[in-house]
Structures are given as structure tokens and as C-alpha cells.
Amino acid sequence: MEKEFFEKPTVYVKDVSINVTDIQKSVEFYIDIIGFQPLYQESRKAVLTADGKTPLLTLEQPDHVQPKEPRTTGLFHFAILLPTRSDLSAFLKHIIQKGVQLGASDHYVSEALYLNDPDGNGIEVYRDRPSSEWNWENGKVAMATEPLDGEGLLKESDKEWTGLPSETVMGHIHLHVADLQITEKFYVDGLGFDIVTTYPGALFASTGHYHHHLGLNIWNGEGAKAPAENSVGLNYFTLQFPDEEYRKHVRNQLQKIDATDKEEDGYYLVEDPSGNCIKLSV
């Protein structure tokens, strides 16, 4: 993992908040299966960490919570980036021992494992190949979805899985959206991201020449509706800006495209055109 993609001056996903139906069941899953540590917990909310101090994932159980709605905008998956391939190897062995259903892909730039939490919230756990091995052409990075070398990954290390390493970060978030053209305008002209690759029905965006901090797709259908506010799924995700000056610049850019933010508890919140809520942090 190369830290420059998750520190100043890069804009990156700092943390994610999701809704769940049973807070205690979800906390147990994210500690036992994924390897988080609890940072803070109350009756309907839990904040989870990898290093014992930095929030990475917040779980919330809303009043009158509804199960995950099909064919809506919102969370496709959030992606937990492990520091090394040996960490991913240890995680894979751990998941196999736990008997968890798993998907796996090689994306050229990374190796990724996919699973769902008890409510169907999508999770990716991955490791990056060195950026020197990524292939760029005309501002676009080569990515694909190929079979993962699972046997090679299992043989990578004898390391025991003892939970998420302290250097773990939220690598990216991938969202269902309603319209790619309108979404692109919001994230590029408003938030200042670069489109770095495309798939059929999907865009991938980043800052600082990362392979992607954001995935955006219409795979749930063009014009998909936003889920109910108390539905399982994405509550919000946080974008970390390098300083107040740049955040102010981005807020001005958002106003120019008629995307108005609002201040709440010392943060600025804005919704993308599909209703995905974003916290703008410095």
C-alpha cells in the first residue's frame, strides 16, 4: 500500500457509515469476520477502527429500519485496503476457515476478495499492486475483472490472521447511481475528481493518480430510485480534503452546478444526484 494515495494533497474516502438491521449482530460480524476493533458503541451505533484510534466504519441501526431494497441507488460495496499481499493471504485463509461465501477478482491494479455482511451490504477486501506496475495511457488506467490466482495467494504467506493491520485504510467506495452523465458532472466538475477508467455502465474516479477512490455504476438500472432513509445500506461516506482552502473551492464548484451543501455538526454534507450522502471533511 502506497500512503500518498491516502494523505495530502490527495482527496480520498476517509470512512463510511452504513445502516444495519441488528447492531449487535453486525458488530460481531465486523469484529470476528472482517477483523475490526470497536472504538465506540452505544445502543444503536458502533464506530469501528483498525488502529484503535481512527474511525473507518460506522454502523447505525435506524428507527424502524427496513431491509436492503433491491434495484436502488446507494452502496455497491466499500473497499478495505490491506497493506500487503501477505495480509490478504492471511485474510483469505481466515475467511475460508470461517466458511464465509466469497467472490474474488484480479483487477490488474489490485487483487480483491468480495463478501457481504449479514444485511447484504457489499464489502471488498483488497491489496494494491505497486503503482509502478499499473498501466496508464492517455490519462486512463488499465483495469479488468479477471480470475484471481487463489492458490498463489494462499501460498504467499504463513502469517496468522489477527485482525485488520493498523495501517489498513478505506481504499475506495463503489456506488449505484441513476445516471452516469449527470453523476460524472457532479464528481468531476463539482468535487474535482478525474475519471481514470470506464467499464460498461460504470465510471471510476480518483485524485492523485490513484486507480480509483470512487466507483460509480448504473448496474441497478438507469433511473434507479434512492432507497428509503431508514433502509439498510449507505448512510454516508466521508471525503477527506487536504485543507480548508481546497474544501471551500470545492464547495464553490458545487454551487456552480447547483449542488448545495448544508452544514451539520461542524461538517458540510452534500448529496450526489442519486441521493448518496457525502461528508466533506478536512
Protein backbone atom coordinates (compact mmCIF):
# COMPACT_ATOMS: atom_id res chain seq x y z
CA MET A 1 0.00 0.00 0.00
CA GLU A 2 1.34 3.42 -1.00
CA LYS A 3 0.33 6.03 1.55
CA GLU A 4 0.48 9.03 -0.80
CA PHE A 5 -2.91 8.00 -2.23
CA PHE A 6 -4.45 8.49 1.24
CA GLU A 7 -2.82 11.67 2.50
CA LYS A 8 -2.41 15.32 1.49
CA PRO A 9 -2.85 16.63 -1.17
CA THR A 10 -4.98 13.69 -2.37
CA VAL A 11 -8.75 13.75 -1.79
CA TYR A 12 -9.79 10.27 -0.63
CA VAL A 13 -12.51 8.30 1.16
CA LYS A 14 -11.75 8.52 4.86
CA ASP A 15 -14.58 6.47 6.34
CA VAL A 16 -18.02 5.02 5.60
CA SER A 17 -21.26 4.83 7.58
CA ILE A 18 -23.85 2.15 6.84
CA ASN A 19 -27.26 1.16 8.17
CA VAL A 20 -27.87 -2.33 9.56
CA THR A 21 -30.89 -4.16 11.00
CA ASP A 22 -29.26 -5.60 14.14
CA ILE A 23 -26.40 -3.57 15.59
CA GLN A 24 -25.04 -6.30 17.87
CA LYS A 25 -25.11 -8.99 15.18
CA SER A 26 -23.32 -6.62 12.79
CA VAL A 27 -20.68 -5.61 15.34
CA GLU A 28 -19.91 -9.28 15.99
CA PHE A 29 -19.58 -9.93 12.24
CA TYR A 30 -17.27 -6.99 11.59
CA ILE A 31 -15.04 -7.87 14.55
CA ASP A 32 -14.97 -11.67 14.14
CA ILE A 33 -15.06 -11.97 10.33
CA ILE A 34 -13.55 -8.73 9.00
CA GLY A 35 -11.19 -8.02 11.90
CA PHE A 36 -12.14 -4.52 13.06
CA GLN A 37 -11.71 -3.30 16.62
CA PRO A 38 -14.54 -1.48 18.43
CA LEU A 39 -13.78 2.18 19.04
CA TYR A 40 -17.12 3.34 20.43
CA GLN A 41 -20.54 1.76 20.87
CA GLU A 42 -23.96 2.76 22.12
CA SER A 43 -27.34 1.07 21.79
CA ARG A 44 -27.88 1.77 18.06
CA LYS A 45 -24.48 2.88 16.84
CA ALA A 46 -20.95 1.48 16.73
CA VAL A 47 -17.72 3.00 15.41
CA LEU A 48 -15.06 0.56 14.25
CA THR A 49 -11.34 1.02 13.70
CA ALA A 50 -8.24 -0.84 12.55
CA ASP A 51 -5.61 1.12 14.51
CA GLY A 52 -7.51 1.72 17.75
CA LYS A 53 -8.00 5.45 17.12
CA THR A 54 -9.12 6.22 13.54
CA PRO A 55 -12.79 5.59 12.63
CA LEU A 56 -13.12 3.60 9.40
CA LEU A 57 -16.64 2.17 9.57
CA THR A 58 -19.70 3.34 11.47
CA LEU A 59 -22.69 1.02 11.88
CA GLU A 60 -26.09 2.52 12.65
CA GLN A 61 -29.44 0.86 13.33
CA PRO A 62 -32.10 3.44 12.41
CA ASP A 63 -35.54 3.51 13.99
CA HIS A 64 -37.96 1.27 12.07
CA VAL A 65 -35.06 0.04 9.92
CA GLN A 66 -36.02 -1.62 6.62
CA PRO A 67 -34.12 -4.47 4.92
CA LYS A 68 -31.92 -3.74 1.93
CA GLU A 69 -34.02 -2.59 -1.02
CA PRO A 70 -33.32 -4.14 -4.44
CA ARG A 71 -32.66 -2.11 -7.60
CA THR A 72 -31.91 1.18 -5.86
CA THR A 73 -29.04 3.63 -5.82
CA GLY A 74 -26.64 3.55 -2.88
CA LEU A 75 -23.90 1.21 -1.74
CA PHE A 76 -22.49 -1.43 -4.09
CA HIS A 77 -19.54 -2.03 -1.79
CA PHE A 78 -16.99 -0.27 0.38
CA ALA A 79 -13.40 -1.44 -0.01
CA ILE A 80 -10.93 -2.12 2.77
CA LEU A 81 -7.32 -1.81 1.60
CA LEU A 82 -4.79 -4.05 3.36
CA PRO A 83 -1.11 -3.04 3.46
CA THR A 84 0.42 -6.12 1.79
CA ARG A 85 -0.31 -9.25 -0.22
CA SER A 86 0.69 -11.38 2.76
CA ASP A 87 -2.07 -9.66 4.76
CA LEU A 88 -4.59 -10.54 2.04
CA SER A 89 -3.28 -14.11 2.05
CA ALA A 90 -3.84 -14.37 5.80
CA PHE A 91 -7.33 -12.87 5.43
CA LEU A 92 -8.24 -15.38 2.71
CA LYS A 93 -7.22 -18.31 4.90
CA HIS A 94 -9.22 -16.83 7.78
CA ILE A 95 -12.34 -16.41 5.62
CA ILE A 96 -12.06 -19.97 4.31
CA GLN A 97 -11.78 -21.27 7.88
CA LYS A 98 -14.89 -19.27 8.82
CA GLY A 99 -16.82 -20.79 5.89
CA VAL A 100 -17.89 -17.40 4.51
CA GLN A 101 -19.17 -17.23 0.92
CA LEU A 102 -16.63 -15.34 -1.15
CA GLY A 103 -16.00 -13.85 -4.57
CA ALA A 104 -12.56 -12.98 -5.95
CA SER A 105 -11.07 -10.98 -8.83
CA ASP A 106 -7.79 -9.77 -10.24
CA HIS A 107 -8.18 -6.18 -11.46
CA TYR A 108 -4.60 -5.76 -12.79
CA VAL A 109 -4.02 -2.91 -10.33
CA SER A 110 -5.17 -4.98 -7.35
CA GLU A 111 -6.29 -8.36 -6.05
CA ALA A 112 -9.70 -8.36 -4.40
CA LEU A 113 -11.97 -10.54 -2.29
CA TYR A 114 -15.72 -9.84 -2.06
CA LEU A 115 -18.29 -10.76 0.57
CA ASN A 116 -21.48 -9.44 2.14
CA ASP A 117 -22.32 -8.57 5.72
CA PRO A 118 -25.42 -10.13 7.39
CA ASP A 119 -27.67 -7.47 5.80
CA GLY A 120 -26.27 -7.76 2.28
CA ASN A 121 -24.03 -4.70 2.45
CA GLY A 122 -21.19 -5.31 -0.01
CA ILE A 123 -17.58 -5.46 1.20
CA GLU A 124 -14.35 -5.66 -0.76
CA VAL A 125 -11.06 -6.52 0.95
CA TYR A 126 -8.08 -5.98 -1.33
CA ARG A 127 -4.41 -5.27 -1.78
CA ASP A 128 -2.83 -2.99 -4.37
CA ARG A 129 -0.07 -3.96 -6.73
CA PRO A 130 2.74 -1.36 -6.74
CA SER A 131 1.70 1.71 -8.73
CA SER A 132 4.80 1.21 -10.88
CA GLU A 133 3.02 -1.86 -12.29
CA TRP A 134 -0.19 -0.02 -13.21
CA ASN A 135 -0.53 0.69 -16.92
CA TRP A 136 -1.66 4.21 -17.83
CA GLU A 137 -2.44 5.50 -21.31
CA ASN A 138 -3.88 8.93 -22.16
CA GLY A 139 -4.84 9.53 -18.54
CA LYS A 140 -6.66 6.20 -18.18
CA VAL A 141 -5.51 3.24 -16.09
CA ALA A 142 -5.91 -0.35 -17.33
CA MET A 143 -8.32 -2.32 -15.14
CA ALA A 144 -10.23 -5.52 -15.75
CA THR A 145 -12.05 -8.29 -13.89
CA GLU A 146 -10.03 -11.48 -14.25
CA PRO A 147 -9.88 -14.69 -12.17
CA LEU A 148 -7.82 -14.34 -9.02
CA ASP A 149 -4.83 -16.64 -8.50
CA GLY A 150 -6.25 -18.00 -5.27
CA GLU A 151 -3.71 -20.79 -4.94
CA GLY A 152 -0.84 -18.35 -5.37
CA LEU A 153 -2.40 -16.00 -2.84
CA LEU A 154 -2.81 -18.78 -0.27
CA LYS A 155 0.86 -19.72 -0.69
CA GLU A 156 2.02 -16.11 -0.34
CA SER A 157 2.42 -16.18 3.43
CA ASP A 158 2.22 -18.28 6.58
CA LYS A 159 1.12 -15.21 8.51
CA GLU A 160 -1.69 -15.76 11.02
CA TRP A 161 -4.73 -13.52 10.72
CA THR A 162 -5.03 -11.46 13.91
CA GLY A 163 -7.41 -8.78 12.64
CA LEU A 164 -7.02 -5.79 10.35
CA PRO A 165 -3.46 -4.41 10.37
CA SER A 166 -3.17 -0.95 11.92
CA GLU A 167 -2.16 0.56 8.55
CA THR A 168 -5.45 -0.53 6.93
CA VAL A 169 -7.39 2.27 5.20
CA MET A 170 -10.72 2.68 3.43
CA GLY A 171 -9.41 2.25 -0.10
CA HIS A 172 -12.48 3.25 -2.08
CA ILE A 173 -16.26 3.16 -2.25
CA HIS A 174 -18.37 1.88 -5.15
CA LEU A 175 -21.87 3.28 -5.58
CA HIS A 176 -25.01 2.53 -7.54
CA VAL A 177 -26.18 5.71 -9.28
CA ALA A 178 -29.14 6.63 -11.50
CA ASP A 179 -27.44 8.40 -14.43
CA LEU A 180 -23.76 8.25 -15.42
CA GLN A 181 -23.62 11.53 -17.34
CA ILE A 182 -25.15 13.59 -14.54
CA THR A 183 -23.05 11.70 -11.98
CA GLU A 184 -19.85 12.40 -13.90
CA LYS A 185 -20.60 16.13 -13.94
CA PHE A 186 -21.14 16.14 -10.17
CA TYR A 187 -17.97 14.24 -9.24
CA VAL A 188 -15.70 15.85 -11.87
CA ASP A 189 -16.97 19.45 -12.20
CA GLY A 190 -18.19 19.64 -8.61
CA LEU A 191 -15.90 17.56 -6.42
CA GLY A 192 -12.84 17.74 -8.66
CA PHE A 193 -12.23 14.05 -9.34
CA ASP A 194 -10.69 12.67 -12.53
CA ILE A 195 -12.30 9.83 -14.49
CA VAL A 196 -9.50 7.27 -14.73
CA THR A 197 -11.22 4.30 -16.36
CA THR A 198 -14.61 3.10 -17.62
CA TYR A 199 -16.45 -0.22 -17.75
CA PRO A 200 -19.77 -0.90 -19.47
CA GLY A 201 -22.24 1.05 -17.33
CA ALA A 202 -19.59 2.28 -14.90
CA LEU A 203 -17.08 5.06 -14.24
CA PHE A 204 -14.07 5.02 -11.93
CA ALA A 205 -12.69 8.25 -10.50
CA SER A 206 -9.76 9.34 -8.35
CA THR A 207 -7.44 12.14 -7.39
CA GLY A 208 -3.65 11.99 -7.17
CA HIS A 209 -3.34 9.37 -9.94
CA TYR A 210 -4.80 6.53 -7.84
CA HIS A 211 -6.54 3.74 -9.76
CA HIS A 212 -9.84 4.71 -8.13
CA HIS A 213 -11.19 6.22 -4.96
CA LEU A 214 -14.75 6.01 -6.36
CA GLY A 215 -16.66 3.51 -8.48
CA LEU A 216 -19.97 4.67 -9.95
CA ASN A 217 -22.33 2.36 -11.85
CA ILE A 218 -25.86 2.08 -13.26
CA TRP A 219 -25.99 -1.71 -12.90
CA ASN A 220 -29.18 -1.47 -10.81
CA GLY A 221 -30.86 0.23 -13.76
CA GLU A 222 -30.77 3.70 -15.27
CA GLY A 223 -33.09 5.95 -13.31
CA ALA A 224 -32.96 3.72 -10.22
CA LYS A 225 -34.65 5.33 -7.22
CA ALA A 226 -32.91 6.19 -3.97
CA PRO A 227 -33.58 3.82 -1.04
CA ALA A 228 -35.59 4.92 1.98
CA GLU A 229 -33.61 6.88 4.57
CA ASN A 230 -34.07 4.11 7.16
CA SER A 231 -33.13 1.32 4.73
CA VAL A 232 -30.11 -0.96 5.10
CA GLY A 233 -27.25 0.42 3.01
CA LEU A 234 -25.22 3.58 2.79
CA ASN A 235 -25.76 6.27 5.38
CA TYR A 236 -22.89 8.49 4.20
CA PHE A 237 -19.22 8.41 3.27
CA THR A 238 -16.56 10.98 4.14
CA LEU A 239 -14.24 12.64 1.64
CA GLN A 240 -11.08 13.96 3.26
CA PHE A 241 -9.80 17.25 1.80
CA PRO A 242 -6.22 18.46 2.32
CA ASP A 243 -7.18 21.85 3.80
CA GLU A 244 -9.99 24.34 4.30
CA GLU A 245 -8.97 26.36 1.24
CA TYR A 246 -9.48 23.42 -1.09
CA ARG A 247 -12.75 22.41 0.58
CA LYS A 248 -14.00 25.97 0.10
CA HIS A 249 -13.01 25.79 -3.56
CA VAL A 250 -14.95 22.54 -3.96
CA ARG A 251 -17.99 23.99 -2.20
CA ASN A 252 -17.92 26.89 -4.67
CA GLN A 253 -17.67 24.45 -7.57
CA LEU A 254 -20.66 22.52 -6.21
CA GLN A 255 -22.70 25.71 -6.06
CA LYS A 256 -21.91 26.39 -9.73
CA ILE A 257 -23.53 23.09 -10.69
CA ASP A 258 -26.47 23.69 -8.35
CA ALA A 259 -25.41 21.11 -5.77
CA THR A 260 -25.95 22.87 -2.45
CA ASP A 261 -24.27 21.57 0.69
CA LYS A 262 -25.50 22.07 4.24
CA GLU A 263 -23.62 22.45 7.50
CA GLU A 264 -24.31 19.94 10.25
CA ASP A 265 -22.28 19.28 13.42
CA GLY A 266 -19.26 21.12 12.03
CA TYR A 267 -19.30 19.20 8.74
CA TYR A 268 -20.60 20.05 5.31
CA LEU A 269 -22.91 17.46 3.78
CA VAL A 270 -23.91 17.18 0.14
CA GLU A 271 -25.93 14.61 -1.79
CA ASP A 272 -24.89 13.44 -5.22
CA PRO A 273 -27.61 13.43 -7.94
CA SER A 274 -28.62 9.89 -6.91
CA GLY A 275 -29.11 10.74 -3.25
CA ASN A 276 -25.81 9.33 -1.94
CA CYS A 277 -24.76 11.46 1.06
CA ILE A 278 -21.19 12.73 1.28
CA LYS A 279 -19.50 14.38 4.27
CA LEU A 280 -16.85 16.95 3.24
CA SER A 281 -14.08 16.85 5.86
CA VAL A 282 -10.69 18.50 6.43
